Amino acid sequence: MAYADALAREGTSLPPDFVRLSEVTREIRQEIRYAGSHNFVGRPIAGYGAAECWLRREAATALAAVAHDLAVEGWRLVVYDCYRPRRAVADFVRWAEDPGDQRRKAEFYPSLEKEKLFALGYIARQSAHSTGAAVDAGAERLSPAGDAAPIDFGTGFDTFDPRSATASRDIPDAASANRRQLLRAFAAHGFANYAREWWHFSYRVATPTAYDIPITSAR
């Protein structure tokens, strides 16, 4: 994975060949968790100046196709994270190395000790998200009237727990079926799932480059 430090200047626009997901499709609801406080750290993460999904163009186009297929089934795709600046990855690492900060343990890693998050693969020093080719996603069910209802996937997004493994058998059968449906929709359009996290999908690109450009809103 190559790095593009020269493009890390504040105020720089999107990385090369990136798009805002909202410019590609309106079928996907964006709930960018790291731009707010509802995440495992409990505060906005470095580099998230706006709650926007940025992706490489080809990944965004493929994601729009996933959303279209799910919409036929009455599901609306929800994205929790897309492109993640390298400074955000570094912020996660600093948090993981601070044993004193346990304020979100009850919700996000209730059965694990924080110091084990690296070894178990939940926190990494590099991330495919920084290339703009990875997305964290779930879905909700829409009624004919357009009302949304949560879909049970067995755990919440970013729950660091063995039950979050995509093929976990320690969840209800209905939740397992929902995971399989989500997995099939992503796989049909070239995304590969990360086995430890049912919500994480990566789109293969020929030459992935990690960026550190902060996420900003469209002007």
C-alpha atoms as a PDB file:
ATOM      1  CA  MET A   1       0.000   0.000   0.000  1.00  0.00           C
ATOM      2  CA  ALA A   2       1.458   3.323  -1.063  1.00  0.00           C
ATOM      3  CA  TYR A   3       1.131   6.507   0.963  1.00  0.00           C
ATOM      4  CA  ALA A   4       0.416  10.026  -0.231  1.00  0.00           C
ATOM      5  CA  ASP A   5       1.787  12.305   2.465  1.00  0.00           C
ATOM      6  CA  ALA A   6       2.165  15.176   0.011  1.00  0.00           C
ATOM      7  CA  LEU A   7      -1.624  15.337  -0.251  1.00  0.00           C
ATOM      8  CA  ALA A   8      -2.226  15.691   3.482  1.00  0.00           C
ATOM      9  CA  ARG A   9      -2.475  19.474   3.499  1.00  0.00           C
ATOM     10  CA  GLU A  10      -5.441  21.003   5.289  1.00  0.00           C
ATOM     11  CA  GLY A  11      -7.981  22.357   2.849  1.00  0.00           C
ATOM     12  CA  THR A  12      -7.048  19.993   0.011  1.00  0.00           C
ATOM     13  CA  SER A  13     -10.065  18.677  -1.907  1.00  0.00           C
ATOM     14  CA  LEU A  14     -10.900  15.017  -2.459  1.00  0.00           C
ATOM     15  CA  PRO A  15      -8.060  12.611  -3.259  1.00  0.00           C
ATOM     16  CA  PRO A  16      -7.563  11.737  -6.941  1.00  0.00           C
ATOM     17  CA  ASP A  17     -10.374   9.644  -8.459  1.00  0.00           C
ATOM     18  CA  PHE A  18     -12.544  10.014  -5.344  1.00  0.00           C
ATOM     19  CA  VAL A  19     -16.182  11.120  -5.243  1.00  0.00           C
ATOM     20  CA  ARG A  20     -18.690  12.015  -2.585  1.00  0.00           C
ATOM     21  CA  LEU A  21     -21.160   9.151  -2.369  1.00  0.00           C
ATOM     22  CA  SER A  22     -24.065  11.615  -2.386  1.00  0.00           C
ATOM     23  CA  GLU A  23     -23.033  12.614  -5.912  1.00  0.00           C
ATOM     24  CA  VAL A  24     -23.417   9.011  -7.101  1.00  0.00           C
ATOM     25  CA  THR A  25     -26.586   7.846  -5.329  1.00  0.00           C
ATOM     26  CA  ARG A  26     -29.245   9.054  -2.916  1.00  0.00           C
ATOM     27  CA  GLU A  27     -30.442   5.525  -2.115  1.00  0.00           C
ATOM     28  CA  ILE A  28     -27.928   5.119   0.727  1.00  0.00           C
ATOM     29  CA  ARG A  29     -28.347   6.689   4.159  1.00  0.00           C
ATOM     30  CA  GLN A  30     -25.123   8.067   5.610  1.00  0.00           C
ATOM     31  CA  GLU A  31     -24.611   7.704   9.360  1.00  0.00           C
ATOM     32  CA  ILE A  32     -20.896   8.463   9.614  1.00  0.00           C
ATOM     33  CA  ARG A  33     -20.203   7.455  13.199  1.00  0.00           C
ATOM     34  CA  TYR A  34     -16.657   8.792  13.521  1.00  0.00           C
ATOM     35  CA  ALA A  35     -17.795  12.346  12.785  1.00  0.00           C
ATOM     36  CA  GLY A  36     -19.773  12.300  16.047  1.00  0.00           C
ATOM     37  CA  SER A  37     -19.598  10.753  19.501  1.00  0.00           C
ATOM     38  CA  HIS A  38     -21.554   7.505  19.014  1.00  0.00           C
ATOM     39  CA  ASN A  39     -18.491   5.332  18.463  1.00  0.00           C
ATOM     40  CA  PHE A  40     -16.076   3.226  20.504  1.00  0.00           C
ATOM     41  CA  VAL A  41     -13.874   6.245  21.320  1.00  0.00           C
ATOM     42  CA  GLY A  42     -16.797   8.437  22.393  1.00  0.00           C
ATOM     43  CA  ARG A  43     -15.897  11.620  20.490  1.00  0.00           C
ATOM     44  CA  PRO A  44     -15.321  12.865  16.924  1.00  0.00           C
ATOM     45  CA  ILE A  45     -12.228  11.279  15.379  1.00  0.00           C
ATOM     46  CA  ALA A  46      -9.325  13.248  13.896  1.00  0.00           C
ATOM     47  CA  GLY A  47      -9.840  13.990  10.207  1.00  0.00           C
ATOM     48  CA  TYR A  48     -13.646  13.823  10.244  1.00  0.00           C
ATOM     49  CA  GLY A  49     -14.568  17.442   9.649  1.00  0.00           C
ATOM     50  CA  ALA A  50     -17.850  16.410   8.022  1.00  0.00           C
ATOM     51  CA  ALA A  51     -20.195  13.436   8.241  1.00  0.00           C
ATOM     52  CA  GLU A  52     -19.726  12.511   4.590  1.00  0.00           C
ATOM     53  CA  CYS A  53     -18.887   9.294   2.771  1.00  0.00           C
ATOM     54  CA  TRP A  54     -15.996   9.642   0.333  1.00  0.00           C
ATOM     55  CA  LEU A  55     -14.938   6.690  -1.844  1.00  0.00           C
ATOM     56  CA  ARG A  56     -12.958   5.898  -4.933  1.00  0.00           C
ATOM     57  CA  ARG A  57     -15.264   6.359  -7.893  1.00  0.00           C
ATOM     58  CA  GLU A  58     -15.320   2.691  -8.867  1.00  0.00           C
ATOM     59  CA  ALA A  59     -16.091   1.627  -5.291  1.00  0.00           C
ATOM     60  CA  ALA A  60     -18.878   4.205  -5.025  1.00  0.00           C
ATOM     61  CA  THR A  61     -20.419   3.001  -8.293  1.00  0.00           C
ATOM     62  CA  ALA A  62     -20.310  -0.612  -7.105  1.00  0.00           C
ATOM     63  CA  LEU A  63     -21.810   0.400  -3.750  1.00  0.00           C
ATOM     64  CA  ALA A  64     -24.681   2.130  -5.532  1.00  0.00           C
ATOM     65  CA  ALA A  65     -25.375  -1.147  -7.338  1.00  0.00           C
ATOM     66  CA  VAL A  66     -25.418  -2.986  -3.994  1.00  0.00           C
ATOM     67  CA  ALA A  67     -27.917  -0.465  -2.640  1.00  0.00           C
ATOM     68  CA  HIS A  68     -30.125  -0.835  -5.700  1.00  0.00           C
ATOM     69  CA  ASP A  69     -30.256  -4.631  -5.314  1.00  0.00           C
ATOM     70  CA  LEU A  70     -31.100  -4.349  -1.615  1.00  0.00           C
ATOM     71  CA  ALA A  71     -33.788  -1.766  -2.348  1.00  0.00           C
ATOM     72  CA  VAL A  72     -35.583  -4.357  -4.475  1.00  0.00           C
ATOM     73  CA  GLU A  73     -35.787  -6.467  -1.288  1.00  0.00           C
ATOM     74  CA  GLY A  74     -37.148  -3.544   0.717  1.00  0.00           C
ATOM     75  CA  TRP A  75     -33.838  -2.755   2.415  1.00  0.00           C
ATOM     76  CA  ARG A  76     -32.042   0.592   2.534  1.00  0.00           C
ATOM     77  CA  LEU A  77     -28.267   0.462   2.821  1.00  0.00           C
ATOM     78  CA  VAL A  78     -26.717   2.475   5.667  1.00  0.00           C
ATOM     79  CA  VAL A  79     -23.015   3.392   5.650  1.00  0.00           C
ATOM     80  CA  TYR A  80     -21.189   4.001   8.930  1.00  0.00           C
ATOM     81  CA  ASP A  81     -17.714   4.681   7.533  1.00  0.00           C
ATOM     82  CA  CYS A  82     -16.100   4.996   4.113  1.00  0.00           C
ATOM     83  CA  TYR A  83     -12.770   6.730   3.409  1.00  0.00           C
ATOM     84  CA  ARG A  84     -10.825   7.146   6.649  1.00  0.00           C
ATOM     85  CA  PRO A  85      -7.867   9.569   6.740  1.00  0.00           C
ATOM     86  CA  ARG A  86      -4.611   8.141   8.053  1.00  0.00           C
ATOM     87  CA  ARG A  87      -4.730  10.614  10.943  1.00  0.00           C
ATOM     88  CA  ALA A  88      -7.968   8.931  12.044  1.00  0.00           C
ATOM     89  CA  VAL A  89      -6.256   5.530  12.041  1.00  0.00           C
ATOM     90  CA  ALA A  90      -3.495   7.042  14.188  1.00  0.00           C
ATOM     91  CA  ASP A  91      -6.177   8.447  16.515  1.00  0.00           C
ATOM     92  CA  PHE A  92      -7.607   4.942  16.956  1.00  0.00           C
ATOM     93  CA  VAL A  93      -4.137   3.593  17.737  1.00  0.00           C
ATOM     94  CA  ARG A  94      -3.528   6.257  20.386  1.00  0.00           C
ATOM     95  CA  TRP A  95      -6.880   5.442  21.963  1.00  0.00           C
ATOM     96  CA  ALA A  96      -6.181   1.705  21.955  1.00  0.00           C
ATOM     97  CA  GLU A  97      -2.821   2.273  23.663  1.00  0.00           C
ATOM     98  CA  ASP A  98      -4.429   4.266  26.494  1.00  0.00           C
ATOM     99  CA  PRO A  99      -5.658   1.737  29.097  1.00  0.00           C
ATOM    100  CA  GLY A 100      -7.270   4.472  31.177  1.00  0.00           C
ATOM    101  CA  ASP A 101      -9.900   5.390  28.596  1.00  0.00           C
ATOM    102  CA  GLN A 102     -12.652   2.789  28.999  1.00  0.00           C
ATOM    103  CA  ARG A 103     -15.729   5.021  28.786  1.00  0.00           C
ATOM    104  CA  ARG A 104     -17.391   3.154  25.883  1.00  0.00           C
ATOM    105  CA  LYS A 105     -16.506  -0.376  26.963  1.00  0.00           C
ATOM    106  CA  ALA A 106     -20.038  -1.354  28.016  1.00  0.00           C
ATOM    107  CA  GLU A 107     -21.436  -0.789  24.525  1.00  0.00           C
ATOM    108  CA  PHE A 108     -18.579  -1.616  22.169  1.00  0.00           C
ATOM    109  CA  TYR A 109     -16.290  -4.204  23.794  1.00  0.00           C
ATOM    110  CA  PRO A 110     -18.055  -5.499  26.907  1.00  0.00           C
ATOM    111  CA  SER A 111     -16.483  -8.961  26.916  1.00  0.00           C
ATOM    112  CA  LEU A 112     -12.931  -8.069  25.813  1.00  0.00           C
ATOM    113  CA  GLU A 113      -9.999  -6.356  27.459  1.00  0.00           C
ATOM    114  CA  LYS A 114      -8.931  -3.247  25.587  1.00  0.00           C
ATOM    115  CA  GLU A 115      -5.284  -4.307  25.315  1.00  0.00           C
ATOM    116  CA  LYS A 116      -6.331  -7.325  23.229  1.00  0.00           C
ATOM    117  CA  LEU A 117      -7.994  -5.309  20.458  1.00  0.00           C
ATOM    118  CA  PHE A 118      -4.815  -5.206  18.324  1.00  0.00           C
ATOM    119  CA  ALA A 119      -4.103  -8.937  18.582  1.00  0.00           C
ATOM    120  CA  LEU A 120      -7.718  -9.815  17.811  1.00  0.00           C
ATOM    121  CA  GLY A 121      -7.763  -7.696  14.652  1.00  0.00           C
ATOM    122  CA  TYR A 122     -10.286  -5.061  15.678  1.00  0.00           C
ATOM    123  CA  ILE A 123      -7.796  -2.166  15.690  1.00  0.00           C
ATOM    124  CA  ALA A 124      -5.000  -1.910  13.091  1.00  0.00           C
ATOM    125  CA  ARG A 125      -2.155   0.495  12.412  1.00  0.00           C
ATOM    126  CA  GLN A 126      -3.078   0.629   8.730  1.00  0.00           C
ATOM    127  CA  SER A 127      -6.519   0.489   7.169  1.00  0.00           C
ATOM    128  CA  ALA A 128      -7.975  -0.256   3.756  1.00  0.00           C
ATOM    129  CA  HIS A 129     -10.434   2.546   4.526  1.00  0.00           C
ATOM    130  CA  SER A 130      -7.616   5.038   3.937  1.00  0.00           C
ATOM    131  CA  THR A 131      -7.525   3.970   0.276  1.00  0.00           C
ATOM    132  CA  GLY A 132     -11.190   4.845  -0.251  1.00  0.00           C
ATOM    133  CA  ALA A 133     -11.966   1.266  -1.243  1.00  0.00           C
ATOM    134  CA  ALA A 134     -13.534  -0.006   1.990  1.00  0.00           C
ATOM    135  CA  VAL A 135     -16.893   0.631   3.587  1.00  0.00           C
ATOM    136  CA  ASP A 136     -18.620  -0.248   6.854  1.00  0.00           C
ATOM    137  CA  ALA A 137     -22.311  -0.805   6.270  1.00  0.00           C
ATOM    138  CA  GLY A 138     -25.575  -2.193   7.575  1.00  0.00           C
ATOM    139  CA  ALA A 139     -29.151  -1.838   6.427  1.00  0.00           C
ATOM    140  CA  GLU A 140     -32.657  -0.994   7.535  1.00  0.00           C
ATOM    141  CA  ARG A 141     -36.017  -2.190   6.283  1.00  0.00           C
ATOM    142  CA  LEU A 142     -38.311   0.311   4.573  1.00  0.00           C
ATOM    143  CA  SER A 143     -42.094   0.141   4.589  1.00  0.00           C
ATOM    144  CA  PRO A 144     -44.131   1.121   1.512  1.00  0.00           C
ATOM    145  CA  ALA A 145     -44.725   4.438   3.284  1.00  0.00           C
ATOM    146  CA  GLY A 146     -40.982   4.997   3.581  1.00  0.00           C
ATOM    147  CA  ASP A 147     -40.688   4.373   7.317  1.00  0.00           C
ATOM    148  CA  ALA A 148     -37.427   2.708   8.400  1.00  0.00           C
ATOM    149  CA  ALA A 149     -37.081  -0.150  10.886  1.00  0.00           C
ATOM    150  CA  PRO A 150     -33.793  -1.599  12.160  1.00  0.00           C
ATOM    151  CA  ILE A 151     -32.621  -4.957  10.848  1.00  0.00           C
ATOM    152  CA  ASP A 152     -31.126  -7.390  13.347  1.00  0.00           C
ATOM    153  CA  PHE A 153     -27.578  -8.403  12.422  1.00  0.00           C
ATOM    154  CA  GLY A 154     -26.832 -10.031  15.763  1.00  0.00           C
ATOM    155  CA  THR A 155     -24.587  -7.231  17.066  1.00  0.00           C
ATOM    156  CA  GLY A 156     -24.297  -3.523  16.513  1.00  0.00           C
ATOM    157  CA  PHE A 157     -21.755  -1.865  14.248  1.00  0.00           C
ATOM    158  CA  ASP A 158     -18.257  -1.802  15.782  1.00  0.00           C
ATOM    159  CA  THR A 159     -19.109  -4.292  18.513  1.00  0.00           C
ATOM    160  CA  PHE A 160     -15.708  -5.834  19.226  1.00  0.00           C
ATOM    161  CA  ASP A 161     -16.836  -9.334  20.096  1.00  0.00           C
ATOM    162  CA  PRO A 162     -16.564 -12.855  18.605  1.00  0.00           C
ATOM    163  CA  ARG A 163     -20.292 -12.654  17.817  1.00  0.00           C
ATOM    164  CA  SER A 164     -19.487  -9.953  15.252  1.00  0.00           C
ATOM    165  CA  ALA A 165     -17.648 -12.477  13.090  1.00  0.00           C
ATOM    166  CA  THR A 166     -19.704 -12.788   9.920  1.00  0.00           C
ATOM    167  CA  ALA A 167     -20.135 -16.558  10.248  1.00  0.00           C
ATOM    168  CA  SER A 168     -20.680 -16.585  14.021  1.00  0.00           C
ATOM    169  CA  ARG A 169     -23.140 -19.246  15.160  1.00  0.00           C
ATOM    170  CA  ASP A 170     -23.706 -17.508  18.480  1.00  0.00           C
ATOM    171  CA  ILE A 171     -26.469 -15.252  17.168  1.00  0.00           C
ATOM    172  CA  PRO A 172     -30.144 -15.853  16.325  1.00  0.00           C
ATOM    173  CA  ASP A 173     -30.943 -17.640  13.053  1.00  0.00           C
ATOM    174  CA  ALA A 174     -32.771 -14.591  11.706  1.00  0.00           C
ATOM    175  CA  ALA A 175     -29.721 -12.388  12.287  1.00  0.00           C
ATOM    176  CA  SER A 176     -27.514 -14.950  10.509  1.00  0.00           C
ATOM    177  CA  ALA A 177     -29.875 -14.904   7.549  1.00  0.00           C
ATOM    178  CA  ASN A 178     -29.721 -11.117   7.439  1.00  0.00           C
ATOM    179  CA  ARG A 179     -25.924 -11.219   7.415  1.00  0.00           C
ATOM    180  CA  ARG A 180     -25.951 -13.704   4.542  1.00  0.00           C
ATOM    181  CA  GLN A 181     -28.283 -11.490   2.541  1.00  0.00           C
ATOM    182  CA  LEU A 182     -26.031  -8.467   3.106  1.00  0.00           C
ATOM    183  CA  LEU A 183     -22.958 -10.533   2.191  1.00  0.00           C
ATOM    184  CA  ARG A 184     -24.535 -11.806  -1.038  1.00  0.00           C
ATOM    185  CA  ALA A 185     -25.476  -8.301  -2.125  1.00  0.00           C
ATOM    186  CA  PHE A 186     -21.937  -6.997  -1.622  1.00  0.00           C
ATOM    187  CA  ALA A 187     -20.239 -10.042  -3.141  1.00  0.00           C
ATOM    188  CA  ALA A 188     -22.373  -9.717  -6.280  1.00  0.00           C
ATOM    189  CA  HIS A 189     -20.681  -6.380  -6.992  1.00  0.00           C
ATOM    190  CA  GLY A 190     -17.061  -7.194  -6.198  1.00  0.00           C
ATOM    191  CA  PHE A 191     -16.799  -6.517  -2.469  1.00  0.00           C
ATOM    192  CA  ALA A 192     -15.041  -8.901  -0.074  1.00  0.00           C
ATOM    193  CA  ASN A 193     -16.053  -9.161   3.567  1.00  0.00           C
ATOM    194  CA  TYR A 194     -13.658  -9.021   6.539  1.00  0.00           C
ATOM    195  CA  ALA A 195     -14.490 -12.235   8.396  1.00  0.00           C
ATOM    196  CA  ARG A 196     -14.228 -10.737  11.905  1.00  0.00           C
ATOM    197  CA  GLU A 197     -16.684  -7.921  11.154  1.00  0.00           C
ATOM    198  CA  TRP A 198     -19.988  -8.538   9.386  1.00  0.00           C
ATOM    199  CA  TRP A 199     -20.209  -4.820   8.466  1.00  0.00           C
ATOM    200  CA  HIS A 200     -16.802  -4.392   6.751  1.00  0.00           C
ATOM    201  CA  PHE A 201     -16.463  -4.752   2.962  1.00  0.00           C
ATOM    202  CA  SER A 202     -13.522  -3.942   0.682  1.00  0.00           C
ATOM    203  CA  TYR A 203     -13.543  -3.316  -3.053  1.00  0.00           C
ATOM    204  CA  ARG A 204     -10.465  -4.454  -4.918  1.00  0.00           C
ATOM    205  CA  VAL A 205      -8.503  -1.742  -6.702  1.00  0.00           C
ATOM    206  CA  ALA A 206      -5.380  -2.212  -8.815  1.00  0.00           C
ATOM    207  CA  THR A 207      -3.079   0.212  -7.011  1.00  0.00           C
ATOM    208  CA  PRO A 208      -4.415   1.125  -3.560  1.00  0.00           C
ATOM    209  CA  THR A 209      -2.992   4.342  -2.140  1.00  0.00           C
ATOM    210  CA  ALA A 210      -3.634   5.473   1.441  1.00  0.00           C
ATOM    211  CA  TYR A 211      -4.397   9.169   1.943  1.00  0.00           C
ATOM    212  CA  ASP A 212      -4.476  11.573   4.866  1.00  0.00           C
ATOM    213  CA  ILE A 213      -6.687  14.286   3.432  1.00  0.00           C
ATOM    214  CA  PRO A 214      -9.253  15.368   6.073  1.00  0.00           C
ATOM    215  CA  ILE A 215     -12.922  14.951   5.232  1.00  0.00           C
ATOM    216  CA  THR A 216     -14.659  18.268   4.648  1.00  0.00           C
ATOM    217  CA  SER A 217     -18.134  19.203   3.470  1.00  0.00           C
ATOM    218  CA  ALA A 218     -18.857  20.294  -0.084  1.00  0.00           C
ATOM    219  CA  ARG A 219     -18.655  24.036  -0.552  1.00  0.00           C
END
